[in-house]
């Protein structure tokens, strides 16, 4: 009976330790992700091509008429969303390795 209690206590301690370790890892990942969101200049530095495309798109939209802007804006938004999703996918796959 005492051996069973000791075994259960050891398992609980191990589970608490593993949970604590997992929570620390999650906290670190949240901090890293939060830094990326709060510091957009990091994205611009890592992706100069994206910066050029965004600047060109902004200039093009500024020079278009109102109807053309709506159509092009929707198209550019779709392209940008696809590019961002691709970047996140690449970052996630790089983190797995």
C-alpha atoms as a PDB file:
ATOM      1  CA  UNK A   1       0.000   0.000   0.000  1.00  0.00           C
ATOM      2  CA  UNK A   2       2.772   2.456   0.934  1.00  0.00           C
ATOM      3  CA  UNK A   3       4.693   1.491  -2.193  1.00  0.00           C
ATOM      4  CA  UNK A   4       1.655   2.288  -4.328  1.00  0.00           C
ATOM      5  CA  UNK A   5       1.269   5.693  -2.682  1.00  0.00           C
ATOM      6  CA  UNK A   6       4.956   6.445  -3.203  1.00  0.00           C
ATOM      7  CA  UNK A   7       4.713   5.374  -6.856  1.00  0.00           C
ATOM      8  CA  UNK A   8       1.672   7.579  -7.419  1.00  0.00           C
ATOM      9  CA  UNK A   9       3.398  10.539  -5.739  1.00  0.00           C
ATOM     10  CA  UNK A  10       6.457  10.046  -7.939  1.00  0.00           C
ATOM     11  CA  UNK A  11       4.281   9.914 -11.048  1.00  0.00           C
ATOM     12  CA  UNK A  12       2.493  13.105  -9.971  1.00  0.00           C
ATOM     13  CA  UNK A  13       5.793  14.866  -9.373  1.00  0.00           C
ATOM     14  CA  UNK A  14       7.052  13.766 -12.788  1.00  0.00           C
ATOM     15  CA  UNK A  15       3.816  14.909 -14.442  1.00  0.00           C
ATOM     16  CA  UNK A  16       4.068  18.317 -12.714  1.00  0.00           C
ATOM     17  CA  UNK A  17       7.655  18.652 -13.852  1.00  0.00           C
ATOM     18  CA  UNK A  18       6.764  17.796 -17.451  1.00  0.00           C
ATOM     19  CA  UNK A  19       3.812  20.209 -17.367  1.00  0.00           C
ATOM     20  CA  UNK A  20       6.042  22.981 -16.025  1.00  0.00           C
ATOM     21  CA  UNK A  21       8.591  22.315 -18.762  1.00  0.00           C
ATOM     22  CA  UNK A  22       5.885  22.338 -21.452  1.00  0.00           C
ATOM     23  CA  UNK A  23       4.451  25.616 -20.149  1.00  0.00           C
ATOM     24  CA  UNK A  24       7.909  27.198 -20.245  1.00  0.00           C
ATOM     25  CA  UNK A  25       8.316  26.150 -23.881  1.00  0.00           C
ATOM     26  CA  UNK A  26       4.893  27.527 -24.809  1.00  0.00           C
ATOM     27  CA  UNK A  27       5.678  30.784 -23.026  1.00  0.00           C
ATOM     28  CA  UNK A  28       8.938  31.150 -24.941  1.00  0.00           C
ATOM     29  CA  UNK A  29       7.207  30.492 -28.263  1.00  0.00           C
ATOM     30  CA  UNK A  30       4.532  33.067 -27.448  1.00  0.00           C
ATOM     31  CA  UNK A  31       7.178  35.653 -26.611  1.00  0.00           C
ATOM     32  CA  UNK A  32       9.004  35.015 -29.894  1.00  0.00           C
ATOM     33  CA  UNK A  33       5.765  35.191 -31.889  1.00  0.00           C
ATOM     34  CA  UNK A  34       4.738  38.342 -30.039  1.00  0.00           C
ATOM     35  CA  UNK A  35       8.033  40.024 -30.859  1.00  0.00           C
ATOM     36  CA  UNK A  36       7.427  39.357 -34.532  1.00  0.00           C
ATOM     37  CA  UNK A  37       3.987  40.920 -34.353  1.00  0.00           C
ATOM     38  CA  UNK A  38       4.998  43.952 -32.325  1.00  0.00           C
ATOM     39  CA  UNK A  39       8.116  44.628 -34.369  1.00  0.00           C
ATOM     40  CA  UNK A  40       7.088  44.667 -38.037  1.00  0.00           C
ATOM     41  CA  UNK A  41      10.443  46.142 -39.000  1.00  0.00           C
ATOM     42  CA  UNK A  42      11.919  42.687 -38.391  1.00  0.00           C
ATOM     43  CA  UNK A  43       9.705  41.281 -41.146  1.00  0.00           C
ATOM     44  CA  UNK A  44      10.793  44.070 -43.464  1.00  0.00           C
ATOM     45  CA  UNK A  45      14.469  43.462 -42.722  1.00  0.00           C
ATOM     46  CA  UNK A  46      14.160  39.717 -43.247  1.00  0.00           C
ATOM     47  CA  UNK A  47      12.154  40.130 -46.454  1.00  0.00           C
ATOM     48  CA  UNK A  48      13.459  42.985 -48.578  1.00  0.00           C
ATOM     49  CA  UNK A  49      11.540  41.641 -51.572  1.00  0.00           C
ATOM     50  CA  UNK A  50       8.305  41.920 -49.599  1.00  0.00           C
ATOM     51  CA  UNK A  51       9.210  45.506 -48.673  1.00  0.00           C
ATOM     52  CA  UNK A  52       9.771  46.418 -52.309  1.00  0.00           C
ATOM     53  CA  UNK A  53       6.514  44.751 -53.360  1.00  0.00           C
ATOM     54  CA  UNK A  54       4.562  46.550 -50.641  1.00  0.00           C
ATOM     55  CA  UNK A  55       6.029  49.916 -51.572  1.00  0.00           C
ATOM     56  CA  UNK A  56       5.333  49.324 -55.264  1.00  0.00           C
ATOM     57  CA  UNK A  57       1.789  48.201 -54.534  1.00  0.00           C
ATOM     58  CA  UNK A  58       1.125  51.253 -52.383  1.00  0.00           C
ATOM     59  CA  UNK A  59       2.437  53.507 -55.160  1.00  0.00           C
ATOM     60  CA  UNK A  60       0.375  51.753 -57.789  1.00  0.00           C
ATOM     61  CA  UNK A  61      -2.797  51.951 -55.716  1.00  0.00           C
ATOM     62  CA  UNK A  62      -2.187  55.653 -55.092  1.00  0.00           C
ATOM     63  CA  UNK A  63      -2.004  56.261 -58.847  1.00  0.00           C
ATOM     64  CA  UNK A  64      -5.088  54.272 -59.888  1.00  0.00           C
ATOM     65  CA  UNK A  65      -8.658  55.482 -60.245  1.00  0.00           C
ATOM     66  CA  UNK A  66     -11.206  54.535 -57.585  1.00  0.00           C
ATOM     67  CA  UNK A  67     -12.693  51.521 -59.460  1.00  0.00           C
ATOM     68  CA  UNK A  68      -9.293  50.203 -60.488  1.00  0.00           C
ATOM     69  CA  UNK A  69      -8.070  50.561 -56.912  1.00  0.00           C
ATOM     70  CA  UNK A  70     -10.806  48.304 -55.549  1.00  0.00           C
ATOM     71  CA  UNK A  71     -10.055  45.544 -58.028  1.00  0.00           C
ATOM     72  CA  UNK A  72      -6.292  45.777 -57.699  1.00  0.00           C
ATOM     73  CA  UNK A  73      -6.513  46.143 -53.913  1.00  0.00           C
ATOM     74  CA  UNK A  74      -8.420  42.887 -53.604  1.00  0.00           C
ATOM     75  CA  UNK A  75      -5.924  41.131 -55.878  1.00  0.00           C
ATOM     76  CA  UNK A  76      -2.907  42.555 -54.031  1.00  0.00           C
ATOM     77  CA  UNK A  77      -4.415  41.637 -50.661  1.00  0.00           C
ATOM     78  CA  UNK A  78      -4.829  38.045 -51.824  1.00  0.00           C
ATOM     79  CA  UNK A  79      -1.238  37.903 -53.031  1.00  0.00           C
ATOM     80  CA  UNK A  80       0.062  39.405 -49.804  1.00  0.00           C
ATOM     81  CA  UNK A  81      -1.971  36.990 -47.681  1.00  0.00           C
ATOM     82  CA  UNK A  82      -0.637  34.063 -49.705  1.00  0.00           C
ATOM     83  CA  UNK A  83       2.931  35.290 -49.318  1.00  0.00           C
ATOM     84  CA  UNK A  84       2.557  35.739 -45.556  1.00  0.00           C
ATOM     85  CA  UNK A  85       1.043  32.273 -45.179  1.00  0.00           C
ATOM     86  CA  UNK A  86       3.931  30.826 -47.175  1.00  0.00           C
ATOM     87  CA  UNK A  87       6.455  32.598 -44.925  1.00  0.00           C
ATOM     88  CA  UNK A  88       4.755  31.270 -41.813  1.00  0.00           C
ATOM     89  CA  UNK A  89       4.704  27.778 -43.281  1.00  0.00           C
ATOM     90  CA  UNK A  90       8.420  27.969 -44.063  1.00  0.00           C
ATOM     91  CA  UNK A  91       9.176  29.272 -40.555  1.00  0.00           C
ATOM     92  CA  UNK A  92       7.080  26.522 -38.978  1.00  0.00           C
ATOM     93  CA  UNK A  93       8.820  23.853 -41.031  1.00  0.00           C
ATOM     94  CA  UNK A  94      12.216  25.307 -40.154  1.00  0.00           C
ATOM     95  CA  UNK A  95      11.317  25.133 -36.464  1.00  0.00           C
ATOM     96  CA  UNK A  96      10.361  21.475 -36.757  1.00  0.00           C
ATOM     97  CA  UNK A  97      13.770  20.423 -38.010  1.00  0.00           C
END
